[in-house]
Protein backbone atom coordinates (compact mmCIF):
# COMPACT_ATOMS: atom_id res chain seq x y z
CA UNK A 1 -12.82 -8.82 0.88
CA UNK A 2 -14.04 -6.21 3.32
CA UNK A 3 -15.04 -6.62 6.94
CA UNK A 4 -13.48 -8.36 9.91
CA UNK A 5 -12.86 -11.71 8.23
CA UNK A 6 -9.33 -12.96 8.82
CA UNK A 7 -7.32 -13.74 5.66
CA UNK A 8 -6.87 -17.45 5.08
CA UNK A 9 -3.08 -17.22 5.35
CA UNK A 10 -3.41 -15.61 8.80
CA UNK A 11 -5.95 -18.24 9.87
CA UNK A 12 -3.52 -20.97 8.81
CA UNK A 13 -0.65 -19.39 10.74
CA UNK A 14 -2.80 -18.92 13.83
CA UNK A 15 -4.02 -22.53 13.70
CA UNK A 16 -0.47 -23.82 13.18
CA UNK A 17 0.84 -21.86 16.15
CA UNK A 18 -2.03 -22.95 18.37
CA UNK A 19 -1.60 -26.62 17.42
CA UNK A 20 2.14 -26.55 18.13
CA UNK A 21 1.64 -24.64 21.35
CA UNK A 22 -0.74 -27.31 22.63
CA UNK A 23 1.59 -30.10 21.48
CA UNK A 24 4.70 -28.64 23.05
CA UNK A 25 3.12 -27.02 26.09
CA UNK A 26 3.87 -23.50 27.30
CA UNK A 27 6.66 -24.51 29.64
CA UNK A 28 8.32 -27.42 27.91
CA UNK A 29 10.92 -25.23 26.21
CA UNK A 30 10.80 -27.53 23.19
CA UNK A 31 8.96 -27.35 19.87
CA UNK A 32 6.35 -29.88 18.70
CA UNK A 33 9.04 -31.85 16.85
CA UNK A 34 11.13 -32.26 20.00
CA UNK A 35 13.90 -29.87 18.95
CA UNK A 36 14.96 -26.95 21.11
CA UNK A 37 13.66 -23.56 19.93
CA UNK A 38 16.21 -21.32 18.21
CA UNK A 39 17.89 -18.74 20.42
CA UNK A 40 16.48 -15.19 20.34
CA UNK A 41 18.12 -12.88 17.82
CA UNK A 42 18.67 -9.19 18.43
CA UNK A 43 17.51 -7.12 15.44
CA UNK A 44 18.79 -3.57 14.97
CA UNK A 45 17.06 -0.87 12.96
CA UNK A 46 20.09 -0.77 10.67
CA UNK A 47 19.74 -4.48 9.82
CA UNK A 48 18.38 -5.47 6.43
CA UNK A 49 14.65 -6.19 6.42
CA UNK A 50 14.13 -6.82 2.70
CA UNK A 51 16.11 -7.08 -0.52
CA UNK A 52 14.28 -5.64 -3.52
CA UNK A 53 15.39 -5.23 -7.10
CA UNK A 54 15.40 -2.01 -9.10
CA UNK A 55 13.81 -1.79 -12.55
CA UNK A 56 17.09 -0.74 -14.14
CA UNK A 57 15.94 2.76 -15.14
CA UNK A 58 19.25 4.24 -13.96
CA UNK A 59 21.45 1.41 -15.24
CA UNK A 60 21.64 -2.32 -14.70
CA UNK A 61 19.09 -4.08 -12.51
CA UNK A 62 20.49 -4.20 -8.99
CA UNK A 63 19.55 -5.52 -5.59
CA UNK A 64 18.95 -2.90 -2.91
CA UNK A 65 18.88 -3.66 0.80
CA UNK A 66 16.05 -1.97 2.69
CA UNK A 67 16.67 -1.59 6.43
CA UNK A 68 14.15 -1.92 9.23
CA UNK A 69 14.64 1.81 9.83
CA UNK A 70 13.38 2.51 6.29
CA UNK A 71 10.18 0.58 6.94
CA UNK A 72 9.68 2.21 10.35
CA UNK A 73 10.10 5.66 8.80
CA UNK A 74 7.60 4.78 6.09
CA UNK A 75 4.90 3.74 8.56
CA UNK A 76 5.56 6.71 10.84
CA UNK A 77 5.24 9.12 7.92
CA UNK A 78 1.92 7.63 6.85
CA UNK A 79 0.59 7.56 10.41
CA UNK A 80 1.60 11.17 11.00
CA UNK A 81 0.00 12.22 7.72
CA UNK A 82 -3.25 10.44 8.59
CA UNK A 83 -3.41 12.08 12.01
CA UNK A 84 -2.81 15.54 10.51
CA UNK A 85 -5.57 15.05 7.95
CA UNK A 86 -7.99 13.87 10.64
CA UNK A 87 -7.13 16.89 12.81
CA UNK A 88 -7.58 19.32 9.92
CA UNK A 89 -10.95 17.78 9.05
CA UNK A 90 -12.12 18.06 12.67
CA UNK A 91 -10.99 21.69 12.97
CA UNK A 92 -12.78 22.56 9.73
CA UNK A 93 -15.98 20.91 10.95
CA UNK A 94 -15.85 18.35 8.16
CA UNK A 95 -16.99 14.74 8.28
CA UNK A 96 -14.41 12.24 9.59
CA UNK A 97 -12.31 10.54 6.94
CA UNK A 98 -13.82 7.25 5.76
CA UNK A 99 -11.96 4.00 6.49
CA UNK A 100 -9.25 3.48 3.90
CA UNK A 101 -9.83 0.69 1.39
CA UNK A 102 -6.88 0.20 -0.97
CA UNK A 103 -7.00 -1.65 -4.27
CA UNK A 104 -3.73 -3.38 -5.19
CA UNK A 105 -3.34 -3.83 -8.95
CA UNK A 106 0.44 -3.67 -8.41
CA UNK A 107 2.94 -6.55 -8.28
CA UNK A 108 3.80 -7.00 -4.64
CA UNK A 109 7.41 -7.91 -5.41
CA UNK A 110 7.91 -4.35 -6.72
CA UNK A 111 8.89 -1.69 -4.20
CA UNK A 112 5.74 0.37 -4.86
CA UNK A 113 3.34 -2.51 -4.25
CA UNK A 114 5.43 -3.89 -1.38
CA UNK A 115 5.52 -0.59 0.50
CA UNK A 116 1.86 0.24 -0.09
CA UNK A 117 0.80 -3.18 1.18
CA UNK A 118 3.03 -2.83 4.23
CA UNK A 119 1.40 0.53 4.91
CA UNK A 120 -2.09 -0.92 4.59
CA UNK A 121 -1.40 -3.84 6.94
CA UNK A 122 0.47 -1.73 9.53
CA UNK A 123 -2.35 0.82 9.71
CA UNK A 124 -5.09 -1.80 9.95
CA UNK A 125 -6.76 -0.83 6.68
CA UNK A 126 -8.70 -2.94 4.19
CA UNK A 127 -6.75 -4.28 1.19
CA UNK A 128 -8.37 -5.56 -1.99
CA UNK A 129 -5.91 -7.76 -3.90
CA UNK A 130 -5.99 -8.59 -7.60
CA UNK A 131 -4.39 -11.79 -8.90
CA UNK A 132 -3.32 -9.90 -12.01
CA UNK A 133 -4.08 -6.45 -13.37
CA UNK A 134 -7.12 -6.08 -15.58
CA UNK A 135 -8.42 -2.56 -16.20
CA UNK A 136 -12.09 -3.49 -16.36
CA UNK A 137 -11.81 -5.71 -13.29
CA UNK A 138 -10.10 -2.88 -11.41
CA UNK A 139 -12.97 -0.50 -12.17
CA UNK A 140 -15.49 -3.10 -11.03
CA UNK A 141 -13.51 -3.70 -7.82
CA UNK A 142 -13.46 0.04 -7.04
CA UNK A 143 -17.23 0.17 -7.41
CA UNK A 144 -17.97 -3.08 -5.57
CA UNK A 145 -15.63 -2.67 -2.58
CA UNK A 146 -15.91 1.14 -2.32
CA UNK A 147 -12.19 1.62 -2.76
CA UNK A 148 -10.85 4.95 -1.47
CA UNK A 149 -7.15 4.68 -2.41
CA UNK A 150 -5.61 3.40 -5.63
CA UNK A 151 -1.81 3.14 -6.08
CA UNK A 152 -1.09 3.07 -9.80
CA UNK A 153 1.32 3.99 -12.59
CA UNK A 154 0.63 6.93 -14.97
CA UNK A 155 -0.69 4.67 -17.79
CA UNK A 156 -3.68 3.82 -15.58
CA UNK A 157 -4.66 7.50 -15.54
CA UNK A 158 -4.41 7.65 -19.33
CA UNK A 159 -6.63 4.56 -19.59
CA UNK A 160 -9.21 6.10 -17.23
CA UNK A 161 -9.28 9.33 -19.24
CA UNK A 162 -10.03 7.42 -22.44
CA UNK A 163 -12.41 4.86 -20.93
CA UNK A 164 -16.16 5.16 -21.34
CA UNK A 165 -16.58 2.42 -18.73
CA UNK A 166 -14.70 4.53 -16.18
CA UNK A 167 -17.28 7.27 -16.70
CA UNK A 168 -20.19 4.83 -16.33
CA UNK A 169 -18.94 3.15 -13.16
CA UNK A 170 -19.66 4.56 -9.72
CA UNK A 171 -16.18 5.65 -8.64
CA UNK A 172 -17.43 8.18 -6.09
CA UNK A 173 -15.68 6.38 -3.22
CA UNK A 174 -12.24 6.87 -4.81
CA UNK A 175 -10.57 9.81 -3.07
CA UNK A 176 -6.88 9.48 -3.92
CA UNK A 177 -4.74 7.92 -6.63
CA UNK A 178 -1.10 7.57 -5.62
CA UNK A 179 1.12 7.70 -8.69
CA UNK A 180 4.39 5.77 -8.62
CA UNK A 181 6.78 3.91 -10.88
CA UNK A 182 7.24 6.92 -13.18
CA UNK A 183 6.79 10.71 -13.07
CA UNK A 184 3.31 12.08 -13.72
CA UNK A 185 3.28 14.63 -16.53
CA UNK A 186 1.39 17.89 -16.11
CA UNK A 187 -0.65 17.39 -19.27
CA UNK A 188 -1.93 13.98 -18.16
CA UNK A 189 -2.67 15.30 -14.66
CA UNK A 190 -4.65 18.24 -16.02
CA UNK A 191 -6.63 16.05 -18.44
CA UNK A 192 -7.44 13.64 -15.62
CA UNK A 193 -8.54 16.44 -13.28
CA UNK A 194 -10.90 17.73 -15.97
CA UNK A 195 -12.63 14.33 -16.22
CA UNK A 196 -12.42 13.27 -12.54
CA UNK A 197 -12.28 16.52 -10.54
CA UNK A 198 -13.07 14.87 -7.19
CA UNK A 199 -10.10 12.46 -7.22
CA UNK A 200 -6.88 13.76 -5.73
CA UNK A 201 -3.63 12.90 -7.50
CA UNK A 202 -0.44 12.37 -5.51
CA UNK A 203 3.03 11.69 -6.94
CA UNK A 204 4.66 9.11 -4.66
CA UNK A 205 8.49 9.08 -4.87
CA UNK A 206 8.69 5.44 -3.83
CA UNK A 207 11.67 4.13 -5.77
CA UNK A 208 14.51 1.95 -4.59
CA UNK A 209 16.91 4.82 -5.22
CA UNK A 210 15.08 6.57 -2.35
CA UNK A 211 15.58 3.44 -0.25
CA UNK A 212 11.78 3.15 -0.27
CA UNK A 213 11.25 6.19 1.94
CA UNK A 214 8.02 8.04 1.22
CA UNK A 215 8.48 11.77 1.64
CA UNK A 216 5.80 14.37 2.25
CA UNK A 217 5.46 16.30 -0.99
CA UNK A 218 3.03 18.06 -3.28
CA UNK A 219 1.77 16.52 -6.46
CA UNK A 220 2.16 18.13 -9.86
CA UNK A 221 -1.09 20.03 -9.37
CA UNK A 222 0.00 21.17 -5.89
CA UNK A 223 -2.48 18.85 -4.24
CA UNK A 224 -2.05 17.77 -0.65
CA UNK A 225 -0.16 14.58 0.11
């Protein structure tokens, strides 16, 4: 899952575009099927880019429109944060940050998984996808693919604290766990830090009520975001 290999879906899209480009020709002005191409559409930042559904924690489940501006702000925030961390590491004489490898045990139709995947793709990082969440499989994936970032819900931390397998596995590559979907309690955070002191915990306020904007903040243990 690592390395320069192009995902199969992207290979399919590239092959489809190339085949239709050859069939239609670059100057024919018509698609492979003979129909005229659709007219260009102007897209504004205020236009809706995605419609996601809330979990209903504040009432009934509801659809929330996420604008292109929301997604742009998300990517800009992550890019700015990455550049600041790289600058701070260089000024402190530390080793450069390793390439980010993110494990996705999250459903991608949920705002947390959707936004984290968008971030990973936009920043050219490596994404390790799981068909469905399995705790043991997630630990093995972290070890095998040298995962550096894990977005997860608080119950995953509780499971790691209690797991003997988590202690046996080589999780030394894991630098940050981004907590979303629910608040992270101080007691759980402190227990986790006692068992895994080298993993940074970050509370990510990535809910639909925030319109999916990720804000720079400190975690419960005042760790850097």
